[in-house]
Amino acid sequence: MPRFFFHTETDVRLTDTEGQEFAKFEDARCEAIHTCGKMMNDAADAFWGSRPWNVSVTDETGLIMWEIYVDGQTSAAGRSLEPNRKFDGSEGPMIV
């Protein structure tokens, strides 16, 4: 059975050295989606305002098979909801 490796990158890159075996490549792609969702769920607060996150799936030779990139952007209106954050992103009381 083919083995696939799920490397993740947030602010830190984590290399999967064990991998997982899948009978069908579709199952490996599904696992990439689950891995991405788990990353976002486990560190939801860190996701917003960080660099884009990604999951890269490689085969046993290191060839990239699939990649998922996720980038969360906060608009000025969204930032206005954050406590102690001005529209320009600096700290301090919100002045409207």
N, C-alpha and C. Protein backbone atom coordinates (compact mmCIF):
# COMPACT_ATOMS: atom_id res chain seq x y z
N MET A 1 0.84 -1.19 0.00
CA MET A 1 0.00 0.00 0.00
C MET A 1 0.88 1.24 0.00
N PRO A 2 0.49 2.26 -0.76
CA PRO A 2 1.30 3.48 -0.78
C PRO A 2 1.25 4.22 0.55
N ARG A 3 2.37 4.83 0.91
CA ARG A 3 2.48 5.62 2.14
C ARG A 3 2.57 7.09 1.76
N PHE A 4 1.80 7.91 2.47
CA PHE A 4 1.78 9.35 2.24
C PHE A 4 2.18 10.07 3.53
N PHE A 5 2.83 11.21 3.35
CA PHE A 5 3.33 12.00 4.48
C PHE A 5 2.63 13.36 4.46
N PHE A 6 2.21 13.80 5.65
CA PHE A 6 1.41 15.02 5.79
C PHE A 6 2.22 16.06 6.56
N HIS A 7 2.89 16.91 5.82
CA HIS A 7 3.73 17.96 6.40
C HIS A 7 2.87 19.20 6.62
N THR A 8 3.00 19.81 7.78
CA THR A 8 2.19 20.99 8.07
C THR A 8 3.09 22.20 8.31
N GLU A 9 2.55 23.35 7.96
CA GLU A 9 3.29 24.59 8.18
C GLU A 9 2.32 25.67 8.63
N THR A 10 2.61 26.20 9.82
CA THR A 10 1.91 27.38 10.34
C THR A 10 3.01 28.42 10.47
N ASP A 11 3.31 28.84 11.68
CA ASP A 11 4.50 29.66 11.89
C ASP A 11 5.73 28.76 11.98
N VAL A 12 5.48 27.46 12.12
CA VAL A 12 6.54 26.45 12.23
C VAL A 12 6.22 25.31 11.26
N ARG A 13 7.24 24.80 10.61
CA ARG A 13 7.03 23.65 9.72
C ARG A 13 7.27 22.36 10.49
N LEU A 14 6.31 21.44 10.40
CA LEU A 14 6.45 20.13 11.02
C LEU A 14 6.50 19.08 9.92
N THR A 15 7.58 18.31 9.91
CA THR A 15 7.78 17.28 8.90
C THR A 15 7.28 15.95 9.43
N ASP A 16 6.40 15.32 8.70
CA ASP A 16 5.87 14.01 9.05
C ASP A 16 6.89 12.96 8.64
N THR A 17 7.47 12.28 9.61
CA THR A 17 8.49 11.28 9.31
C THR A 17 7.94 9.86 9.31
N GLU A 18 6.69 9.69 9.76
CA GLU A 18 6.09 8.35 9.82
C GLU A 18 5.18 8.07 8.64
N GLY A 19 4.34 9.02 8.29
CA GLY A 19 3.39 8.84 7.21
C GLY A 19 2.29 7.86 7.56
N GLN A 20 1.39 7.69 6.61
CA GLN A 20 0.28 6.77 6.77
C GLN A 20 0.05 6.04 5.45
N GLU A 21 -0.38 4.79 5.56
CA GLU A 21 -0.67 4.01 4.36
C GLU A 21 -2.15 4.14 4.01
N PHE A 22 -2.42 4.26 2.71
CA PHE A 22 -3.79 4.34 2.22
C PHE A 22 -3.91 3.47 0.97
N ALA A 23 -4.99 2.71 0.92
CA ALA A 23 -5.23 1.85 -0.24
C ALA A 23 -5.59 2.68 -1.47
N LYS A 24 -6.32 3.78 -1.23
CA LYS A 24 -6.76 4.63 -2.34
C LYS A 24 -6.23 6.05 -2.15
N PHE A 25 -5.79 6.68 -3.22
CA PHE A 25 -5.25 8.04 -3.11
C PHE A 25 -6.33 9.01 -2.64
N GLU A 26 -7.60 8.73 -2.95
CA GLU A 26 -8.69 9.61 -2.49
C GLU A 26 -8.74 9.69 -0.97
N ASP A 27 -8.42 8.58 -0.32
CA ASP A 27 -8.41 8.56 1.15
C ASP A 27 -7.28 9.44 1.70
N ALA A 28 -6.16 9.45 1.00
CA ALA A 28 -5.04 10.32 1.43
C ALA A 28 -5.42 11.79 1.28
N ARG A 29 -6.11 12.12 0.20
CA ARG A 29 -6.56 13.51 0.02
C ARG A 29 -7.56 13.91 1.10
N CYS A 30 -8.45 13.00 1.45
CA CYS A 30 -9.40 13.27 2.55
C CYS A 30 -8.65 13.51 3.85
N GLU A 31 -7.61 12.73 4.10
CA GLU A 31 -6.82 12.91 5.31
C GLU A 31 -6.14 14.27 5.32
N ALA A 32 -5.72 14.77 4.17
CA ALA A 32 -5.13 16.11 4.10
C ALA A 32 -6.14 17.16 4.54
N ILE A 33 -7.38 17.01 4.11
CA ILE A 33 -8.43 17.95 4.52
C ILE A 33 -8.68 17.86 6.02
N HIS A 34 -8.73 16.65 6.55
CA HIS A 34 -8.92 16.48 7.99
C HIS A 34 -7.76 17.07 8.78
N THR A 35 -6.54 16.87 8.29
CA THR A 35 -5.36 17.43 8.95
C THR A 35 -5.44 18.95 8.99
N CYS A 36 -5.83 19.55 7.89
CA CYS A 36 -5.96 21.01 7.80
C CYS A 36 -7.02 21.50 8.78
N GLY A 37 -8.16 20.84 8.81
CA GLY A 37 -9.23 21.22 9.74
C GLY A 37 -8.80 21.09 11.18
N LYS A 38 -8.06 20.03 11.51
CA LYS A 38 -7.57 19.83 12.88
C LYS A 38 -6.60 20.93 13.28
N MET A 39 -5.72 21.31 12.34
CA MET A 39 -4.78 22.41 12.63
C MET A 39 -5.54 23.68 13.00
N MET A 40 -6.54 24.00 12.20
CA MET A 40 -7.31 25.23 12.42
C MET A 40 -8.11 25.14 13.72
N ASN A 41 -8.68 23.99 13.99
CA ASN A 41 -9.46 23.80 15.21
C ASN A 41 -8.58 23.89 16.46
N ASP A 42 -7.41 23.29 16.39
CA ASP A 42 -6.51 23.26 17.56
C ASP A 42 -5.89 24.61 17.88
N ALA A 43 -5.79 25.50 16.91
CA ALA A 43 -5.14 26.80 17.14
C ALA A 43 -5.89 27.92 16.43
N ALA A 44 -7.21 27.94 16.63
CA ALA A 44 -8.05 28.92 15.93
C ALA A 44 -7.62 30.36 16.19
N ASP A 45 -7.27 30.68 17.42
CA ASP A 45 -6.87 32.06 17.74
C ASP A 45 -5.58 32.46 17.04
N ALA A 46 -4.65 31.52 16.89
CA ALA A 46 -3.37 31.82 16.25
C ALA A 46 -3.52 31.95 14.73
N PHE A 47 -4.57 31.34 14.17
CA PHE A 47 -4.76 31.34 12.72
C PHE A 47 -4.96 32.74 12.17
N TRP A 48 -5.82 33.53 12.82
CA TRP A 48 -6.14 34.88 12.32
C TRP A 48 -4.96 35.80 12.50
N GLY A 49 -4.53 36.42 11.43
CA GLY A 49 -3.42 37.37 11.49
C GLY A 49 -2.05 36.73 11.32
N SER A 50 -2.02 35.43 11.11
CA SER A 50 -0.72 34.78 10.89
C SER A 50 -0.50 34.63 9.38
N ARG A 51 0.63 34.11 9.04
CA ARG A 51 0.91 33.82 7.63
C ARG A 51 0.01 32.67 7.18
N PRO A 52 -0.15 32.47 5.88
CA PRO A 52 -0.97 31.34 5.41
C PRO A 52 -0.44 30.00 5.95
N TRP A 53 -1.36 29.13 6.28
CA TRP A 53 -1.01 27.79 6.74
C TRP A 53 -1.14 26.83 5.57
N ASN A 54 -0.39 25.73 5.63
CA ASN A 54 -0.54 24.75 4.57
C ASN A 54 -0.26 23.33 5.04
N VAL A 55 -0.83 22.41 4.28
CA VAL A 55 -0.58 20.98 4.43
C VAL A 55 -0.06 20.51 3.08
N SER A 56 1.12 19.90 3.09
CA SER A 56 1.69 19.33 1.87
C SER A 56 1.73 17.82 2.04
N VAL A 57 1.19 17.12 1.07
CA VAL A 57 1.18 15.66 1.09
C VAL A 57 2.21 15.17 0.09
N THR A 58 3.14 14.35 0.57
CA THR A 58 4.17 13.79 -0.31
C THR A 58 4.07 12.27 -0.33
N ASP A 59 4.64 11.69 -1.38
CA ASP A 59 4.74 10.24 -1.42
C ASP A 59 6.04 9.83 -0.74
N GLU A 60 6.36 8.56 -0.82
CA GLU A 60 7.55 8.03 -0.13
C GLU A 60 8.86 8.59 -0.68
N THR A 61 8.84 9.10 -1.90
CA THR A 61 10.07 9.66 -2.49
C THR A 61 10.23 11.15 -2.18
N GLY A 62 9.19 11.75 -1.54
CA GLY A 62 9.24 13.18 -1.25
C GLY A 62 8.56 14.03 -2.30
N LEU A 63 8.00 13.40 -3.33
CA LEU A 63 7.30 14.13 -4.38
C LEU A 63 5.99 14.69 -3.83
N ILE A 64 5.77 15.99 -4.00
CA ILE A 64 4.53 16.61 -3.52
C ILE A 64 3.38 16.14 -4.41
N MET A 65 2.36 15.58 -3.75
CA MET A 65 1.19 15.08 -4.46
C MET A 65 0.06 16.12 -4.44
N TRP A 66 -0.20 16.69 -3.25
CA TRP A 66 -1.26 17.67 -3.09
C TRP A 66 -0.86 18.68 -2.02
N GLU A 67 -1.37 19.89 -2.15
CA GLU A 67 -1.13 20.92 -1.15
C GLU A 67 -2.43 21.67 -0.89
N ILE A 68 -2.63 22.04 0.36
CA ILE A 68 -3.76 22.88 0.76
C ILE A 68 -3.19 24.11 1.43
N TYR A 69 -3.60 25.28 0.97
CA TYR A 69 -3.20 26.54 1.59
C TYR A 69 -4.44 27.20 2.17
N VAL A 70 -4.32 27.70 3.39
CA VAL A 70 -5.44 28.37 4.05
C VAL A 70 -4.93 29.69 4.59
N ASP A 71 -5.64 30.77 4.25
CA ASP A 71 -5.23 32.11 4.66
C ASP A 71 -6.45 32.85 5.17
N GLY A 72 -6.46 33.17 6.44
CA GLY A 72 -7.57 33.92 7.02
C GLY A 72 -7.24 35.40 7.09
N GLN A 73 -8.11 36.21 6.56
CA GLN A 73 -7.91 37.66 6.58
C GLN A 73 -9.01 38.31 7.41
N THR A 74 -8.64 39.29 8.19
CA THR A 74 -9.60 40.06 8.97
C THR A 74 -9.73 41.44 8.36
N SER A 75 -10.96 41.81 8.06
CA SER A 75 -11.21 43.14 7.48
C SER A 75 -11.15 44.19 8.59
N ALA A 76 -11.17 45.46 8.20
CA ALA A 76 -11.19 46.55 9.19
C ALA A 76 -12.41 46.42 10.08
N ALA A 77 -13.55 46.04 9.51
CA ALA A 77 -14.76 45.88 10.32
C ALA A 77 -14.58 44.75 11.33
N GLY A 78 -13.95 43.66 10.93
CA GLY A 78 -13.69 42.56 11.85
C GLY A 78 -12.72 42.96 12.95
N ARG A 79 -11.69 43.73 12.59
CA ARG A 79 -10.71 44.19 13.59
C ARG A 79 -11.36 45.12 14.60
N SER A 80 -12.41 45.85 14.18
CA SER A 80 -13.06 46.78 15.10
C SER A 80 -13.76 46.04 16.24
N LEU A 81 -14.02 44.76 16.07
CA LEU A 81 -14.66 43.96 17.12
C LEU A 81 -13.68 43.48 18.17
N GLU A 82 -12.40 43.53 17.85
CA GLU A 82 -11.38 43.04 18.77
C GLU A 82 -11.13 44.09 19.85
N PRO A 83 -11.11 43.67 21.11
CA PRO A 83 -10.87 44.63 22.19
C PRO A 83 -9.48 45.27 22.10
N ASN A 84 -9.43 46.54 22.45
CA ASN A 84 -8.16 47.30 22.48
C ASN A 84 -7.44 47.33 21.14
N ARG A 85 -8.18 47.36 20.06
CA ARG A 85 -7.57 47.40 18.74
C ARG A 85 -8.20 48.54 17.95
N LYS A 86 -7.37 49.46 17.46
CA LYS A 86 -7.86 50.55 16.62
C LYS A 86 -8.00 50.06 15.18
N PHE A 87 -8.66 50.84 14.34
CA PHE A 87 -8.81 50.46 12.94
C PHE A 87 -7.46 50.33 12.23
N ASP A 88 -6.47 51.07 12.69
CA ASP A 88 -5.17 51.01 12.01
C ASP A 88 -4.30 49.87 12.54
N GLY A 89 -4.83 49.05 13.46
CA GLY A 89 -4.11 47.90 13.96
C GLY A 89 -3.29 48.17 15.20
N SER A 90 -3.15 49.44 15.61
CA SER A 90 -2.36 49.75 16.79
C SER A 90 -3.19 49.48 18.05
N GLU A 91 -2.52 49.39 19.16
CA GLU A 91 -3.17 49.11 20.44
C GLU A 91 -3.77 50.40 21.00
N GLY A 92 -4.76 50.25 21.85
CA GLY A 92 -5.36 51.40 22.51
C GLY A 92 -6.86 51.40 22.36
N PRO A 93 -7.54 52.33 23.02
CA PRO A 93 -9.00 52.34 22.93
C PRO A 93 -9.45 52.67 21.52
N MET A 94 -10.57 52.03 21.14
CA MET A 94 -11.15 52.24 19.82
C MET A 94 -11.72 53.65 19.73
N ILE A 95 -11.30 54.39 18.73
CA ILE A 95 -11.82 55.74 18.49
C ILE A 95 -12.58 55.68 17.17
N VAL A 96 -13.84 55.99 17.21
CA VAL A 96 -14.66 55.89 16.00
C VAL A 96 -15.04 57.25 15.49
